[in-house]
Amino acid sequence: MRRGWTKFSLCTSIVLVPLLASIPASPQANQSSQRANELTLAGLRPGRDTVGVALKRYSAKYSVNSGKENSRSWQDTCTERTLSIEADSQSLIQTITVSALLSQERRCGAKGAINLPVQDWVTGQGLRVGDPQDRVIQLYGEPNKTGPSVHGDRELEFLYYAFDWAGSAVPQVMEIQCARDTGRVVEMTLAFPRL
């Protein structure tokens, strides 16, 4: 290389590097940077925690056997929210669901009312029942699948996330139901799929 070219090349590099750094990332790059995987729901991790951990955390006294083997649920009678878990034959939690769709009779403050720590019934990224659907997209990016859903007479929007892109150590999938009339999260399920 000639002497003049070396100096020109060095000056060009000094000018171009800051310019390239100031160029905004493409929408695709922003979308992938917004993507986040999820490992926990209600402080429990499917595929890692056992039913015993859930019973200790949320008290066996308030749990109800949901009819299936190794499944339990807790219902807060004040907020009408339900936490449900399903486990395999070794009591390893496979599915965790937090819902406002499975509510029964509201008895806030009445005799026999059960007040549970629903403030803990959030995802690891901080999503909770009642949050707007936009927050789901903000936290986890665009879902892998989406579509209409129905629960009783309620019209819902179904959002499905597969976190296989995060690697084999994170095989979780997440399903979120949002009410179409309010655009708010009404149910979240985090599952450890059987591979």
N, C-alpha and C. Protein backbone atom coordinates (compact mmCIF):
# COMPACT_ATOMS: atom_id res chain seq x y z
N MET A 1 0.84 -1.17 0.00
CA MET A 1 0.00 0.00 0.00
C MET A 1 0.89 1.25 0.00
N ARG A 2 0.46 2.27 -0.72
CA ARG A 2 1.25 3.50 -0.76
C ARG A 2 1.09 4.25 0.55
N ARG A 3 2.10 5.13 0.84
CA ARG A 3 2.12 5.88 2.10
C ARG A 3 0.87 6.72 2.29
N GLY A 4 0.39 7.37 1.30
CA GLY A 4 -0.80 8.23 1.40
C GLY A 4 -2.06 7.43 1.69
N TRP A 5 -2.15 6.22 1.14
CA TRP A 5 -3.34 5.39 1.34
C TRP A 5 -3.45 4.91 2.79
N THR A 6 -2.36 4.61 3.41
CA THR A 6 -2.38 4.15 4.80
C THR A 6 -2.98 5.23 5.70
N LYS A 7 -2.53 6.46 5.52
CA LYS A 7 -3.05 7.57 6.32
C LYS A 7 -4.53 7.79 6.04
N PHE A 8 -4.93 7.75 4.73
CA PHE A 8 -6.33 7.92 4.35
C PHE A 8 -7.20 6.81 4.95
N SER A 9 -6.72 5.57 4.89
CA SER A 9 -7.45 4.42 5.42
C SER A 9 -7.66 4.56 6.92
N LEU A 10 -6.65 4.98 7.64
CA LEU A 10 -6.74 5.16 9.09
C LEU A 10 -7.75 6.25 9.44
N CYS A 11 -7.72 7.37 8.72
CA CYS A 11 -8.67 8.47 8.97
C CYS A 11 -10.10 8.05 8.66
N THR A 12 -10.28 7.31 7.58
CA THR A 12 -11.61 6.84 7.20
C THR A 12 -12.17 5.92 8.28
N SER A 13 -11.35 5.03 8.83
CA SER A 13 -11.80 4.11 9.88
C SER A 13 -12.22 4.87 11.12
N ILE A 14 -11.47 5.90 11.47
CA ILE A 14 -11.79 6.69 12.67
C ILE A 14 -13.13 7.39 12.49
N VAL A 15 -13.45 7.84 11.28
CA VAL A 15 -14.71 8.53 11.02
C VAL A 15 -15.86 7.55 10.89
N LEU A 16 -15.66 6.41 10.22
CA LEU A 16 -16.75 5.47 9.94
C LEU A 16 -17.22 4.70 11.17
N VAL A 17 -16.34 4.32 12.07
CA VAL A 17 -16.73 3.53 13.23
C VAL A 17 -17.78 4.25 14.07
N PRO A 18 -17.60 5.53 14.46
CA PRO A 18 -18.67 6.22 15.21
C PRO A 18 -19.95 6.38 14.39
N LEU A 19 -19.81 6.59 13.08
CA LEU A 19 -21.01 6.73 12.25
C LEU A 19 -21.81 5.45 12.21
N LEU A 20 -21.14 4.32 12.06
CA LEU A 20 -21.84 3.04 12.03
C LEU A 20 -22.49 2.73 13.37
N ALA A 21 -21.84 3.11 14.44
CA ALA A 21 -22.41 2.86 15.77
C ALA A 21 -23.67 3.69 16.01
N SER A 22 -23.78 4.85 15.35
CA SER A 22 -24.94 5.71 15.58
C SER A 22 -26.14 5.35 14.71
N ILE A 23 -25.96 4.45 13.74
CA ILE A 23 -27.07 4.03 12.87
C ILE A 23 -28.01 3.15 13.68
N PRO A 24 -29.31 3.46 13.69
CA PRO A 24 -30.24 2.64 14.48
C PRO A 24 -30.32 1.22 13.92
N ALA A 25 -30.52 0.27 14.83
CA ALA A 25 -30.63 -1.13 14.42
C ALA A 25 -31.90 -1.34 13.62
N SER A 26 -31.90 -2.36 12.79
CA SER A 26 -33.08 -2.66 11.98
C SER A 26 -34.20 -3.15 12.88
N PRO A 27 -35.47 -3.07 12.43
CA PRO A 27 -36.58 -3.57 13.25
C PRO A 27 -36.40 -5.03 13.64
N GLN A 28 -35.81 -5.83 12.74
CA GLN A 28 -35.60 -7.25 13.06
C GLN A 28 -34.60 -7.39 14.19
N ALA A 29 -33.55 -6.58 14.18
CA ALA A 29 -32.56 -6.65 15.26
C ALA A 29 -33.20 -6.22 16.58
N ASN A 30 -34.03 -5.16 16.55
CA ASN A 30 -34.72 -4.73 17.76
C ASN A 30 -35.66 -5.80 18.28
N GLN A 31 -36.34 -6.49 17.36
CA GLN A 31 -37.30 -7.51 17.77
C GLN A 31 -36.58 -8.65 18.48
N SER A 32 -35.44 -9.08 17.94
CA SER A 32 -34.74 -10.19 18.57
C SER A 32 -34.14 -9.77 19.91
N SER A 33 -33.76 -8.48 20.04
CA SER A 33 -33.22 -8.04 21.32
C SER A 33 -34.33 -7.92 22.37
N GLN A 34 -35.58 -7.75 21.95
CA GLN A 34 -36.70 -7.64 22.87
C GLN A 34 -37.18 -9.02 23.33
N ARG A 35 -36.79 -10.04 22.61
CA ARG A 35 -37.23 -11.39 22.95
C ARG A 35 -36.64 -11.82 24.29
N ALA A 36 -37.47 -12.39 25.13
CA ALA A 36 -37.00 -12.90 26.42
C ALA A 36 -37.64 -14.26 26.66
N ASN A 37 -36.89 -15.16 27.23
CA ASN A 37 -37.46 -16.45 27.58
C ASN A 37 -38.02 -16.39 28.99
N GLU A 38 -38.79 -17.38 29.36
CA GLU A 38 -39.41 -17.41 30.68
C GLU A 38 -39.10 -18.73 31.35
N LEU A 39 -38.70 -18.67 32.61
CA LEU A 39 -38.35 -19.86 33.37
C LEU A 39 -39.30 -20.12 34.53
N THR A 40 -39.92 -19.06 35.07
CA THR A 40 -40.73 -19.23 36.27
C THR A 40 -42.11 -18.58 36.15
N LEU A 41 -43.03 -19.15 36.87
CA LEU A 41 -44.35 -18.58 37.06
C LEU A 41 -44.74 -18.85 38.50
N ALA A 42 -45.16 -17.82 39.21
CA ALA A 42 -45.52 -17.92 40.63
C ALA A 42 -44.35 -18.43 41.47
N GLY A 43 -43.14 -18.09 41.05
CA GLY A 43 -41.96 -18.50 41.80
C GLY A 43 -41.62 -19.97 41.66
N LEU A 44 -42.29 -20.67 40.75
CA LEU A 44 -42.05 -22.09 40.53
C LEU A 44 -41.50 -22.29 39.12
N ARG A 45 -40.69 -23.33 38.96
CA ARG A 45 -40.07 -23.60 37.67
C ARG A 45 -40.48 -24.99 37.18
N PRO A 46 -41.26 -25.04 36.08
CA PRO A 46 -41.64 -26.35 35.55
C PRO A 46 -40.41 -27.13 35.07
N GLY A 47 -40.44 -28.42 35.31
CA GLY A 47 -39.32 -29.27 34.91
C GLY A 47 -38.21 -29.30 35.93
N ARG A 48 -38.27 -28.44 36.96
CA ARG A 48 -37.23 -28.38 37.99
C ARG A 48 -37.80 -28.56 39.39
N ASP A 49 -38.91 -27.86 39.69
CA ASP A 49 -39.49 -27.90 41.04
C ASP A 49 -40.50 -29.04 41.17
N THR A 50 -40.67 -29.49 42.41
CA THR A 50 -41.61 -30.57 42.69
C THR A 50 -42.88 -30.02 43.34
N VAL A 51 -43.87 -30.88 43.44
CA VAL A 51 -45.12 -30.52 44.10
C VAL A 51 -44.83 -30.12 45.55
N GLY A 52 -43.88 -30.80 46.18
CA GLY A 52 -43.50 -30.48 47.56
C GLY A 52 -43.05 -29.03 47.72
N VAL A 53 -42.30 -28.52 46.75
CA VAL A 53 -41.86 -27.12 46.78
C VAL A 53 -43.07 -26.19 46.72
N ALA A 54 -44.03 -26.51 45.86
CA ALA A 54 -45.24 -25.69 45.73
C ALA A 54 -46.07 -25.75 47.01
N LEU A 55 -46.21 -26.93 47.61
CA LEU A 55 -46.99 -27.07 48.83
C LEU A 55 -46.35 -26.30 49.98
N LYS A 56 -45.04 -26.29 50.02
CA LYS A 56 -44.34 -25.54 51.07
C LYS A 56 -44.47 -24.04 50.84
N ARG A 57 -44.36 -23.61 49.60
CA ARG A 57 -44.41 -22.18 49.27
C ARG A 57 -45.81 -21.59 49.48
N TYR A 58 -46.85 -22.33 49.07
CA TYR A 58 -48.21 -21.80 49.12
C TYR A 58 -49.11 -22.50 50.13
N SER A 59 -48.57 -23.31 50.97
CA SER A 59 -49.25 -23.99 52.06
C SER A 59 -50.17 -25.12 51.57
N ALA A 60 -49.85 -26.31 52.00
CA ALA A 60 -50.66 -27.48 51.68
C ALA A 60 -52.07 -27.33 52.24
N LYS A 61 -52.19 -26.60 53.32
CA LYS A 61 -53.48 -26.39 53.99
C LYS A 61 -54.52 -25.80 53.05
N TYR A 62 -54.11 -24.90 52.15
CA TYR A 62 -55.05 -24.22 51.27
C TYR A 62 -55.14 -24.83 49.89
N SER A 63 -54.40 -25.90 49.66
CA SER A 63 -54.43 -26.51 48.33
C SER A 63 -55.56 -27.52 48.22
N VAL A 64 -56.01 -27.71 47.00
CA VAL A 64 -57.07 -28.66 46.71
C VAL A 64 -56.54 -29.60 45.63
N ASN A 65 -56.81 -30.88 45.80
CA ASN A 65 -56.45 -31.83 44.75
C ASN A 65 -57.43 -31.62 43.61
N SER A 66 -56.92 -31.34 42.44
CA SER A 66 -57.76 -30.97 41.30
C SER A 66 -58.42 -32.15 40.59
N GLY A 67 -58.34 -33.32 41.16
CA GLY A 67 -58.99 -34.48 40.54
C GLY A 67 -58.02 -35.36 39.76
N LYS A 68 -56.99 -34.77 39.18
CA LYS A 68 -55.98 -35.54 38.47
C LYS A 68 -54.88 -35.89 39.46
N GLU A 69 -54.22 -37.00 39.19
CA GLU A 69 -53.12 -37.41 40.05
C GLU A 69 -52.00 -36.36 39.96
N ASN A 70 -51.42 -36.03 41.11
CA ASN A 70 -50.33 -35.06 41.20
C ASN A 70 -50.68 -33.68 40.67
N SER A 71 -51.91 -33.26 40.84
CA SER A 71 -52.29 -31.89 40.47
C SER A 71 -52.88 -31.20 41.69
N ARG A 72 -52.57 -29.94 41.83
CA ARG A 72 -53.05 -29.15 42.97
C ARG A 72 -53.47 -27.78 42.49
N SER A 73 -54.33 -27.14 43.27
CA SER A 73 -54.72 -25.76 42.95
C SER A 73 -54.96 -24.99 44.24
N TRP A 74 -54.78 -23.69 44.13
CA TRP A 74 -55.03 -22.75 45.21
C TRP A 74 -55.91 -21.65 44.65
N GLN A 75 -56.89 -21.21 45.42
CA GLN A 75 -57.74 -20.12 44.94
C GLN A 75 -57.81 -19.03 46.00
N ASP A 76 -57.53 -17.81 45.56
CA ASP A 76 -57.67 -16.66 46.43
C ASP A 76 -59.11 -16.17 46.28
N THR A 77 -59.88 -16.25 47.35
CA THR A 77 -61.31 -15.93 47.25
C THR A 77 -61.58 -14.43 47.17
N CYS A 78 -60.58 -13.62 47.43
CA CYS A 78 -60.77 -12.17 47.34
C CYS A 78 -60.56 -11.68 45.90
N THR A 79 -59.49 -12.13 45.26
CA THR A 79 -59.20 -11.68 43.89
C THR A 79 -59.79 -12.59 42.82
N GLU A 80 -60.32 -13.74 43.25
CA GLU A 80 -60.86 -14.75 42.34
C GLU A 80 -59.80 -15.30 41.38
N ARG A 81 -58.55 -15.34 41.82
CA ARG A 81 -57.48 -15.90 40.99
C ARG A 81 -57.12 -17.28 41.48
N THR A 82 -56.74 -18.11 40.54
CA THR A 82 -56.41 -19.50 40.83
C THR A 82 -55.00 -19.82 40.36
N LEU A 83 -54.27 -20.54 41.18
CA LEU A 83 -52.97 -21.08 40.81
C LEU A 83 -53.12 -22.59 40.75
N SER A 84 -52.75 -23.18 39.61
CA SER A 84 -52.87 -24.63 39.44
C SER A 84 -51.53 -25.19 38.97
N ILE A 85 -51.21 -26.38 39.46
CA ILE A 85 -50.02 -27.08 38.98
C ILE A 85 -50.39 -28.51 38.61
N GLU A 86 -49.70 -29.04 37.63
CA GLU A 86 -49.82 -30.45 37.27
C GLU A 86 -48.42 -31.02 37.26
N ALA A 87 -48.27 -32.22 37.79
CA ALA A 87 -46.95 -32.84 37.90
C ALA A 87 -46.97 -34.23 37.29
N ASP A 88 -45.78 -34.76 37.04
CA ASP A 88 -45.67 -36.12 36.51
C ASP A 88 -45.69 -37.13 37.66
N SER A 89 -45.47 -38.39 37.35
CA SER A 89 -45.56 -39.44 38.37
C SER A 89 -44.47 -39.34 39.44
N GLN A 90 -43.39 -38.61 39.16
CA GLN A 90 -42.34 -38.39 40.15
C GLN A 90 -42.54 -37.07 40.91
N SER A 91 -43.72 -36.47 40.78
CA SER A 91 -44.08 -35.19 41.43
C SER A 91 -43.29 -34.01 40.91
N LEU A 92 -42.70 -34.10 39.73
CA LEU A 92 -41.99 -32.99 39.10
C LEU A 92 -43.02 -32.14 38.36
N ILE A 93 -43.08 -30.86 38.68
CA ILE A 93 -44.09 -29.97 38.08
C ILE A 93 -43.87 -29.87 36.58
N GLN A 94 -44.93 -30.09 35.82
CA GLN A 94 -44.88 -29.99 34.36
C GLN A 94 -45.57 -28.73 33.85
N THR A 95 -46.65 -28.31 34.54
CA THR A 95 -47.44 -27.17 34.09
C THR A 95 -47.85 -26.31 35.29
N ILE A 96 -47.74 -24.99 35.11
CA ILE A 96 -48.17 -24.03 36.12
C ILE A 96 -49.12 -23.06 35.42
N THR A 97 -50.29 -22.83 36.01
CA THR A 97 -51.27 -21.91 35.44
C THR A 97 -51.75 -20.93 36.50
N VAL A 98 -51.76 -19.66 36.15
CA VAL A 98 -52.37 -18.62 36.98
C VAL A 98 -53.52 -18.07 36.17
N SER A 99 -54.73 -18.06 36.77
CA SER A 99 -55.91 -17.72 35.99
C SER A 99 -56.91 -16.89 36.76
N ALA A 100 -57.62 -16.05 36.02
CA ALA A 100 -58.78 -15.35 36.54
C ALA A 100 -60.03 -15.89 35.85
N LEU A 101 -59.88 -16.99 35.11
CA LEU A 101 -61.00 -17.59 34.37
C LEU A 101 -61.69 -18.70 35.14
N LEU A 102 -61.01 -19.26 36.12
CA LEU A 102 -61.55 -20.43 36.83
C LEU A 102 -62.18 -20.05 38.15
N SER A 103 -62.55 -18.80 38.30
CA SER A 103 -63.02 -18.30 39.58
C SER A 103 -64.36 -18.91 39.99
N GLN A 104 -64.55 -18.92 41.30
CA GLN A 104 -65.80 -19.39 41.86
C GLN A 104 -66.46 -18.21 42.57
N GLU A 105 -67.08 -18.46 43.69
CA GLU A 105 -67.77 -17.41 44.43
C GLU A 105 -66.78 -16.49 45.13
N ARG A 106 -66.95 -15.18 44.95
CA ARG A 106 -66.07 -14.20 45.59
C ARG A 106 -66.51 -13.99 47.03
N ARG A 107 -65.57 -14.19 47.97
CA ARG A 107 -65.90 -14.04 49.39
C ARG A 107 -64.81 -13.25 50.10
N CYS A 108 -64.51 -12.09 49.63
CA CYS A 108 -63.46 -11.28 50.22
C CYS A 108 -63.88 -10.80 51.61
N GLY A 109 -63.10 -11.15 52.62
CA GLY A 109 -63.38 -10.72 53.99
C GLY A 109 -64.41 -11.56 54.72
N ALA A 110 -65.10 -12.45 54.02
CA ALA A 110 -66.12 -13.29 54.66
C ALA A 110 -65.47 -14.44 55.42
N LYS A 111 -66.24 -15.07 56.29
CA LYS A 111 -65.75 -16.23 57.02
C LYS A 111 -65.40 -17.33 56.01
N GLY A 112 -64.25 -17.91 56.19
CA GLY A 112 -63.81 -18.96 55.29
C GLY A 112 -63.08 -18.42 54.06
N ALA A 113 -62.92 -17.11 53.97
CA ALA A 113 -62.20 -16.52 52.83
C ALA A 113 -60.72 -16.88 52.94
N ILE A 114 -60.13 -17.12 51.81
CA ILE A 114 -58.71 -17.46 51.75
C ILE A 114 -57.98 -16.38 50.97
N ASN A 115 -57.08 -15.71 51.66
CA ASN A 115 -56.27 -14.68 51.01
C ASN A 115 -54.86 -15.23 50.83
N LEU A 116 -54.47 -15.40 49.59
CA LEU A 116 -53.17 -15.97 49.25
C LEU A 116 -52.26 -14.89 48.67
N PRO A 117 -50.95 -15.14 48.61
CA PRO A 117 -50.02 -14.12 48.11
C PRO A 117 -50.05 -14.01 46.58
N VAL A 118 -51.16 -13.50 46.03
CA VAL A 118 -51.30 -13.39 44.57
C VAL A 118 -50.29 -12.43 43.97
N GLN A 119 -49.71 -11.54 44.78
CA GLN A 119 -48.68 -10.65 44.27
C GLN A 119 -47.46 -11.44 43.80
N ASP A 120 -47.30 -12.67 44.27
CA ASP A 120 -46.20 -13.55 43.84
C ASP A 120 -46.55 -14.35 42.59
N TRP A 121 -47.79 -14.29 42.16
CA TRP A 121 -48.23 -15.09 41.01
C TRP A 121 -47.92 -14.35 39.71
N VAL A 122 -46.66 -14.11 39.47
CA VAL A 122 -46.19 -13.40 38.29
C VAL A 122 -45.13 -14.24 37.59
N THR A 123 -44.83 -13.88 36.34
CA THR A 123 -43.74 -14.54 35.64
C THR A 123 -42.41 -13.99 36.12
N GLY A 124 -41.34 -14.65 35.75
CA GLY A 124 -40.01 -14.17 36.10
C GLY A 124 -39.71 -12.80 35.51
N GLN A 125 -40.35 -12.47 34.38
CA GLN A 125 -40.17 -11.17 33.74
C GLN A 125 -41.12 -10.11 34.31
N GLY A 126 -42.00 -10.50 35.25
CA GLY A 126 -42.88 -9.53 35.90
C GLY A 126 -44.27 -9.40 35.32
N LEU A 127 -44.68 -10.29 34.41
CA LEU A 127 -46.03 -10.24 33.85
C LEU A 127 -47.02 -10.83 34.83
N ARG A 128 -48.16 -10.19 34.97
CA ARG A 128 -49.19 -10.69 35.90
C ARG A 128 -50.57 -10.63 35.24
N VAL A 129 -51.50 -11.39 35.79
CA VAL A 129 -52.89 -11.33 35.34
C VAL A 129 -53.38 -9.91 35.55
N GLY A 130 -54.05 -9.37 34.53
CA GLY A 130 -54.54 -7.99 34.58
C GLY A 130 -53.69 -7.02 33.78
N ASP A 131 -52.46 -7.43 33.43
CA ASP A 131 -51.60 -6.56 32.61
C ASP A 131 -52.16 -6.46 31.19
N PRO A 132 -51.89 -5.34 30.49
CA PRO A 132 -52.36 -5.21 29.10
C PRO A 132 -51.60 -6.15 28.15
N GLN A 133 -52.26 -6.55 27.08
CA GLN A 133 -51.67 -7.44 26.10
C GLN A 133 -50.40 -6.83 25.50
N ASP A 134 -50.35 -5.52 25.36
CA ASP A 134 -49.15 -4.86 24.84
C ASP A 134 -47.92 -5.15 25.70
N ARG A 135 -48.12 -5.30 26.99
CA ARG A 135 -46.99 -5.60 27.88
C ARG A 135 -46.43 -6.98 27.59
N VAL A 136 -47.27 -7.92 27.21
CA VAL A 136 -46.81 -9.27 26.84
C VAL A 136 -45.83 -9.15 25.68
N ILE A 137 -46.22 -8.42 24.65
CA ILE A 137 -45.39 -8.25 23.46
C ILE A 137 -44.11 -7.49 23.82
N GLN A 138 -44.25 -6.50 24.69
CA GLN A 138 -43.08 -5.72 25.11
C GLN A 138 -42.06 -6.62 25.82
N LEU A 139 -42.52 -7.54 26.66
CA LEU A 139 -41.62 -8.40 27.42
C LEU A 139 -41.06 -9.56 26.60
N TYR A 140 -41.91 -10.20 25.80
CA TYR A 140 -41.53 -11.46 25.15
C TYR A 140 -41.41 -11.37 23.63
N GLY A 141 -41.72 -10.23 23.05
CA GLY A 141 -41.68 -10.11 21.60
C GLY A 141 -42.95 -10.67 20.98
N GLU A 142 -42.93 -10.81 19.67
CA GLU A 142 -44.09 -11.35 18.97
C GLU A 142 -44.24 -12.83 19.27
N PRO A 143 -45.48 -13.32 19.50
CA PRO A 143 -45.67 -14.75 19.79
C PRO A 143 -45.43 -15.62 18.57
N ASN A 144 -45.14 -16.91 18.82
CA ASN A 144 -44.99 -17.87 17.73
C ASN A 144 -46.31 -18.11 17.02
N LYS A 145 -47.40 -18.13 17.82
CA LYS A 145 -48.74 -18.34 17.28
C LYS A 145 -49.70 -17.45 18.04
N THR A 146 -50.75 -17.04 17.37
CA THR A 146 -51.79 -16.25 18.00
C THR A 146 -53.11 -16.55 17.31
N GLY A 147 -54.21 -16.35 18.01
CA GLY A 147 -55.51 -16.60 17.41
C GLY A 147 -56.63 -16.45 18.41
N PRO A 148 -57.85 -16.54 17.92
CA PRO A 148 -59.00 -16.41 18.82
C PRO A 148 -59.18 -17.66 19.68
N SER A 149 -59.77 -17.46 20.84
CA SER A 149 -60.04 -18.55 21.77
C SER A 149 -61.32 -18.20 22.52
N VAL A 150 -61.94 -19.20 23.12
CA VAL A 150 -63.18 -18.97 23.87
C VAL A 150 -63.10 -19.74 25.19
N HIS A 151 -63.58 -19.12 26.26
CA HIS A 151 -63.72 -19.80 27.54
C HIS A 151 -65.11 -19.46 28.06
N GLY A 152 -66.01 -20.43 28.02
CA GLY A 152 -67.41 -20.16 28.37
C GLY A 152 -67.98 -19.18 27.37
N ASP A 153 -68.45 -18.04 27.86
CA ASP A 153 -68.98 -17.02 26.95
C ASP A 153 -67.98 -15.88 26.71
N ARG A 154 -66.74 -16.04 27.19
CA ARG A 154 -65.72 -14.99 27.03
C ARG A 154 -64.89 -15.23 25.78
N GLU A 155 -64.76 -14.20 24.98
CA GLU A 155 -63.90 -14.26 23.80
C GLU A 155 -62.50 -13.83 24.20
N LEU A 156 -61.53 -14.66 23.82
CA LEU A 156 -60.15 -14.43 24.22
C LEU A 156 -59.22 -14.38 23.02
N GLU A 157 -58.04 -13.85 23.25
CA GLU A 157 -56.96 -13.88 22.26
C GLU A 157 -55.86 -14.76 22.85
N PHE A 158 -55.46 -15.77 22.09
CA PHE A 158 -54.48 -16.77 22.53
C PHE A 158 -53.11 -16.38 21.99
N LEU A 159 -52.09 -16.34 22.87
CA LEU A 159 -50.71 -16.07 22.48
C LEU A 159 -49.86 -17.25 22.92
N TYR A 160 -49.05 -17.78 22.00
CA TYR A 160 -48.23 -18.96 22.28
C TYR A 160 -46.76 -18.62 22.04
N TYR A 161 -45.93 -18.94 23.04
CA TYR A 161 -44.49 -18.72 22.93
C TYR A 161 -43.76 -20.04 23.16
N ALA A 162 -42.84 -20.37 22.26
CA ALA A 162 -41.94 -21.51 22.43
C ALA A 162 -40.54 -20.93 22.63
N PHE A 163 -39.90 -21.31 23.71
CA PHE A 163 -38.59 -20.75 24.03
C PHE A 163 -37.44 -21.65 23.60
N ASP A 164 -37.67 -22.49 22.60
CA ASP A 164 -36.62 -23.39 22.12
C ASP A 164 -35.42 -22.63 21.56
N TRP A 165 -35.63 -21.40 21.10
CA TRP A 165 -34.53 -20.57 20.59
C TRP A 165 -33.51 -20.26 21.68
N ALA A 166 -33.90 -20.35 22.96
CA ALA A 166 -33.00 -20.03 24.07
C ALA A 166 -32.06 -21.17 24.41
N GLY A 167 -32.22 -22.33 23.76
CA GLY A 167 -31.33 -23.46 23.99
C GLY A 167 -32.00 -24.61 24.70
N SER A 168 -31.31 -25.72 24.73
CA SER A 168 -31.90 -26.95 25.29
C SER A 168 -32.09 -26.88 26.80
N ALA A 169 -31.43 -25.96 27.46
CA ALA A 169 -31.61 -25.81 28.91
C ALA A 169 -32.92 -25.12 29.26
N VAL A 170 -33.62 -24.56 28.26
CA VAL A 170 -34.86 -23.82 28.48
C VAL A 170 -35.96 -24.38 27.57
N PRO A 171 -36.48 -25.55 27.88
CA PRO A 171 -37.49 -26.14 26.99
C PRO A 171 -38.91 -25.66 27.25
N GLN A 172 -39.09 -24.60 28.03
CA GLN A 172 -40.43 -24.14 28.39
C GLN A 172 -41.21 -23.58 27.20
N VAL A 173 -42.52 -23.69 27.32
CA VAL A 173 -43.46 -23.02 26.42
C VAL A 173 -44.44 -22.25 27.30
N MET A 174 -44.96 -21.14 26.76
CA MET A 174 -45.88 -20.33 27.53
C MET A 174 -47.10 -20.01 26.68
N GLU A 175 -48.26 -20.12 27.31
CA GLU A 175 -49.53 -19.75 26.68
C GLU A 175 -50.17 -18.65 27.51
N ILE A 176 -50.62 -17.63 26.82
CA ILE A 176 -51.27 -16.50 27.50
C ILE A 176 -52.61 -16.25 26.85
N GLN A 177 -53.63 -16.08 27.68
CA GLN A 177 -54.97 -15.74 27.20
C GLN A 177 -55.27 -14.30 27.61
N CYS A 178 -55.72 -13.50 26.66
CA CYS A 178 -56.12 -12.12 26.94
C CYS A 178 -57.59 -11.95 26.58
N ALA A 179 -58.31 -11.22 27.40
CA ALA A 179 -59.73 -10.94 27.12
C ALA A 179 -59.80 -9.98 25.93
N ARG A 180 -60.63 -10.32 24.95
CA ARG A 180 -60.74 -9.47 23.76
C ARG A 180 -61.40 -8.13 24.07
N ASP A 181 -62.34 -8.12 25.02
CA ASP A 181 -63.05 -6.86 25.30
C ASP A 181 -62.17 -5.85 26.05
N THR A 182 -61.27 -6.32 26.91
CA THR A 182 -60.43 -5.40 27.69
C THR A 182 -58.99 -5.36 27.20
N GLY A 183 -58.56 -6.40 26.47
CA GLY A 183 -57.17 -6.45 26.03
C GLY A 183 -56.20 -6.74 27.17
N ARG A 184 -56.71 -7.39 28.24
CA ARG A 184 -55.87 -7.67 29.40
C ARG A 184 -55.66 -9.17 29.60
N VAL A 185 -54.54 -9.51 30.19
CA VAL A 185 -54.19 -10.91 30.47
C VAL A 185 -55.16 -11.48 31.50
N VAL A 186 -55.75 -12.63 31.19
CA VAL A 186 -56.65 -13.30 32.14
C VAL A 186 -56.13 -14.67 32.56
N GLU A 187 -55.14 -15.20 31.81
CA GLU A 187 -54.59 -16.50 32.18
C GLU A 187 -53.20 -16.66 31.58
N MET A 188 -52.29 -17.27 32.38
CA MET A 188 -50.93 -17.56 31.93
C MET A 188 -50.59 -18.99 32.29
N THR A 189 -50.00 -19.72 31.36
CA THR A 189 -49.57 -21.08 31.61
C THR A 189 -48.12 -21.22 31.16
N LEU A 190 -47.27 -21.75 32.02
CA LEU A 190 -45.90 -22.06 31.68
C LEU A 190 -45.74 -23.56 31.82
N ALA A 191 -45.21 -24.20 30.79
CA ALA A 191 -45.15 -25.65 30.77
C ALA A 191 -43.77 -26.15 30.38
N PHE A 192 -43.42 -27.27 30.93
CA PHE A 192 -42.21 -27.99 30.58
C PHE A 192 -42.64 -29.13 29.66
N PRO A 193 -42.51 -28.98 28.36
CA PRO A 193 -43.00 -30.03 27.46
C PRO A 193 -42.17 -31.29 27.57
N ARG A 194 -42.83 -32.40 27.46
CA ARG A 194 -42.12 -33.69 27.45
C ARG A 194 -41.45 -33.84 26.11
N LEU A 195 -40.12 -33.94 26.13
CA LEU A 195 -39.36 -34.01 24.88
C LEU A 195 -39.17 -35.44 24.42
